[in-house]
Amino acid sequence: MRPGDQEAAAEHLVAMGARPVDIGQRSVPWMVPADPEGNEFCFLSSRTMP
C-alpha cells in the first residue's frame, strides 16, 4: 500500500481497528501496523517522482 498521505492513512487504519507495531524499525519511511487479528503489514509514504 502506498497512500498519498501516510499520516491520514494511519489514522484511518487505527479507526478501523489496526494498531501500531514496533518491530525494531527506527528512522524509516514506512509504518508497521497490525490488523485486528494481529497480522502485521507495512505501508510507505508516496514517492515524489522526478
Protein backbone atom coordinates (compact mmCIF):
# COMPACT_ATOMS: atom_id res chain seq x y z
CA MET A 1 0.00 0.00 0.00
CA ARG A 2 1.35 3.43 -0.89
CA PRO A 3 -1.08 6.05 0.39
CA GLY A 4 -0.59 9.67 -0.63
CA ASP A 5 -0.94 10.91 2.93
CA GLN A 6 0.69 8.38 5.25
CA GLU A 7 -0.43 10.10 8.43
CA ALA A 8 -4.08 10.26 7.34
CA ALA A 9 -3.92 6.64 6.21
CA ALA A 10 -2.53 5.61 9.60
CA GLU A 11 -5.36 7.41 11.38
CA HIS A 12 -7.88 5.70 9.11
CA LEU A 13 -6.37 2.26 9.79
CA VAL A 14 -6.42 2.83 13.56
CA ALA A 15 -10.06 3.93 13.31
CA MET A 16 -10.75 0.61 11.56
CA GLY A 17 -9.10 -1.39 14.36
CA ALA A 18 -5.42 -1.53 13.42
CA ARG A 19 -2.76 -0.79 15.99
CA PRO A 20 0.82 0.49 15.56
CA VAL A 21 3.51 -2.17 15.92
CA ASP A 22 7.18 -1.70 16.81
CA ILE A 23 9.25 -4.33 15.01
CA GLY A 24 12.51 -2.51 15.61
CA GLN A 25 12.13 -0.01 12.80
CA ARG A 26 13.84 3.23 13.54
CA SER A 27 14.16 6.11 11.12
CA VAL A 28 12.47 4.55 8.08
CA PRO A 29 9.90 5.90 5.60
CA TRP A 30 7.32 3.21 6.35
CA MET A 31 4.92 2.39 9.15
CA VAL A 32 4.04 -1.02 10.52
CA PRO A 33 0.51 -1.56 11.82
CA ALA A 34 -1.25 -4.81 12.67
CA ASP A 35 -4.84 -5.58 11.78
CA PRO A 36 -7.32 -6.64 14.50
CA GLU A 37 -6.23 -10.28 14.03
CA GLY A 38 -2.58 -9.37 14.66
CA ASN A 39 -1.35 -9.59 11.04
CA GLU A 40 1.42 -7.05 10.54
CA PHE A 41 1.88 -5.12 7.32
CA CYS A 42 3.91 -2.14 6.10
CA PHE A 43 2.94 0.89 4.13
CA LEU A 44 5.09 3.60 2.63
CA SER A 45 4.66 7.27 2.05
CA SER A 46 4.35 8.39 -1.56
CA ARG A 47 7.46 8.99 -3.55
CA THR A 48 7.99 12.22 -5.38
CA MET A 49 8.72 11.43 -9.00
CA PRO A 50 11.50 13.46 -10.64
